[in-house]
Amino acid sequence: MAFEDKMNKLQSSMNTQIEANENQAPRLSKSYTLKQDVANELASRAKEQELTASRYLEKLLKKEFDIF
């Protein structure tokens, strides 16, 4: 019984994950040029929050554009 319960829990979790991913918009790859000092500051602040520079920049832009 324990195996079946675990299998059912995994299947429902996987289905939920698939549905959640379908609702998200795909990420786009864009290229922007930054000045060296801005890029360094971005990387430094991102590292403090244990994020990549692109995810940190995305977080800042969402906040700036009031997108949640």
C-alpha atoms as a PDB file:
ATOM      1  CA  MET A   1       0.000   0.000   0.000  1.00  0.00           C
ATOM      2  CA  ALA A   2       2.767   2.457   0.823  1.00  0.00           C
ATOM      3  CA  PHE A   3       4.204   2.159  -2.688  1.00  0.00           C
ATOM      4  CA  GLU A   4       0.811   2.899  -4.285  1.00  0.00           C
ATOM      5  CA  ASP A   5       0.289   5.900  -2.025  1.00  0.00           C
ATOM      6  CA  LYS A   6       3.708   7.277  -2.890  1.00  0.00           C
ATOM      7  CA  MET A   7       3.099   6.657  -6.606  1.00  0.00           C
ATOM      8  CA  ASN A   8      -0.255   8.497  -6.470  1.00  0.00           C
ATOM      9  CA  LYS A   9       1.349  11.412  -4.634  1.00  0.00           C
ATOM     10  CA  LEU A  10       4.131  11.623  -7.248  1.00  0.00           C
ATOM     11  CA  GLN A  11       1.669  11.504 -10.148  1.00  0.00           C
ATOM     12  CA  SER A  12      -0.496  14.288  -8.714  1.00  0.00           C
ATOM     13  CA  SER A  13       2.618  16.360  -8.040  1.00  0.00           C
ATOM     14  CA  MET A  14       3.859  15.878 -11.587  1.00  0.00           C
ATOM     15  CA  ASN A  15       0.480  16.840 -13.049  1.00  0.00           C
ATOM     16  CA  THR A  16       0.378  20.012 -10.961  1.00  0.00           C
ATOM     17  CA  GLN A  17       3.885  20.912 -12.067  1.00  0.00           C
ATOM     18  CA  ILE A  18       3.008  20.460 -15.752  1.00  0.00           C
ATOM     19  CA  GLU A  19      -0.106  22.623 -15.414  1.00  0.00           C
ATOM     20  CA  ALA A  20       1.869  25.363 -13.629  1.00  0.00           C
ATOM     21  CA  ASN A  21       4.525  25.370 -16.353  1.00  0.00           C
ATOM     22  CA  GLU A  22       1.914  25.653 -19.103  1.00  0.00           C
ATOM     23  CA  ASN A  23       0.521  28.847 -17.550  1.00  0.00           C
ATOM     24  CA  GLN A  24       3.892  30.621 -17.567  1.00  0.00           C
ATOM     25  CA  ALA A  25       5.047  32.601 -20.559  1.00  0.00           C
ATOM     26  CA  PRO A  26       8.228  31.335 -22.171  1.00  0.00           C
ATOM     27  CA  ARG A  27      11.447  33.185 -21.468  1.00  0.00           C
ATOM     28  CA  LEU A  28      12.951  35.189 -24.296  1.00  0.00           C
ATOM     29  CA  SER A  29      16.630  35.597 -24.911  1.00  0.00           C
ATOM     30  CA  LYS A  30      17.622  39.203 -25.559  1.00  0.00           C
ATOM     31  CA  SER A  31      21.011  40.813 -25.607  1.00  0.00           C
ATOM     32  CA  TYR A  32      21.711  44.205 -24.059  1.00  0.00           C
ATOM     33  CA  THR A  33      24.967  46.065 -23.604  1.00  0.00           C
ATOM     34  CA  LEU A  34      25.790  47.537 -20.210  1.00  0.00           C
ATOM     35  CA  LYS A  35      28.613  49.760 -19.096  1.00  0.00           C
ATOM     36  CA  GLN A  36      31.269  47.890 -17.163  1.00  0.00           C
ATOM     37  CA  ASP A  37      30.551  49.549 -13.813  1.00  0.00           C
ATOM     38  CA  VAL A  38      26.810  48.884 -14.127  1.00  0.00           C
ATOM     39  CA  ALA A  39      27.422  45.243 -15.078  1.00  0.00           C
ATOM     40  CA  ASN A  40      29.781  44.790 -12.121  1.00  0.00           C
ATOM     41  CA  GLU A  41      27.287  46.299  -9.687  1.00  0.00           C
ATOM     42  CA  LEU A  42      24.502  44.138 -11.102  1.00  0.00           C
ATOM     43  CA  ALA A  43      26.606  40.997 -10.712  1.00  0.00           C
ATOM     44  CA  SER A  44      27.651  41.981  -7.187  1.00  0.00           C
ATOM     45  CA  ARG A  45      24.096  42.600  -5.983  1.00  0.00           C
ATOM     46  CA  ALA A  46      22.848  39.444  -7.673  1.00  0.00           C
ATOM     47  CA  LYS A  47      25.528  37.401  -5.924  1.00  0.00           C
ATOM     48  CA  GLU A  48      24.443  38.829  -2.542  1.00  0.00           C
ATOM     49  CA  GLN A  49      20.958  37.433  -3.141  1.00  0.00           C
ATOM     50  CA  GLU A  50      22.297  34.186  -4.609  1.00  0.00           C
ATOM     51  CA  LEU A  51      20.748  34.933  -8.009  1.00  0.00           C
ATOM     52  CA  THR A  52      22.160  35.106 -11.486  1.00  0.00           C
ATOM     53  CA  ALA A  53      22.563  38.604 -12.875  1.00  0.00           C
ATOM     54  CA  SER A  54      19.755  38.029 -15.374  1.00  0.00           C
ATOM     55  CA  ARG A  55      17.312  36.810 -12.674  1.00  0.00           C
ATOM     56  CA  TYR A  56      18.237  39.737 -10.443  1.00  0.00           C
ATOM     57  CA  LEU A  57      17.721  42.168 -13.320  1.00  0.00           C
ATOM     58  CA  GLU A  58      14.373  40.524 -14.075  1.00  0.00           C
ATOM     59  CA  LYS A  59      13.382  40.980 -10.417  1.00  0.00           C
ATOM     60  CA  LEU A  60      14.338  44.678 -10.541  1.00  0.00           C
ATOM     61  CA  LEU A  61      12.438  45.264 -13.772  1.00  0.00           C
ATOM     62  CA  LYS A  62       9.311  43.515 -12.486  1.00  0.00           C
ATOM     63  CA  LYS A  63       9.404  45.795  -9.455  1.00  0.00           C
ATOM     64  CA  GLU A  64       9.993  48.886 -11.614  1.00  0.00           C
ATOM     65  CA  PHE A  65       7.203  48.011 -14.066  1.00  0.00           C
ATOM     66  CA  ASP A  66       4.787  46.843 -11.318  1.00  0.00           C
ATOM     67  CA  ILE A  67       4.564  43.358 -12.797  1.00  0.00           C
ATOM     68  CA  PHE A  68       3.929  40.616 -10.262  1.00  0.00           C
END
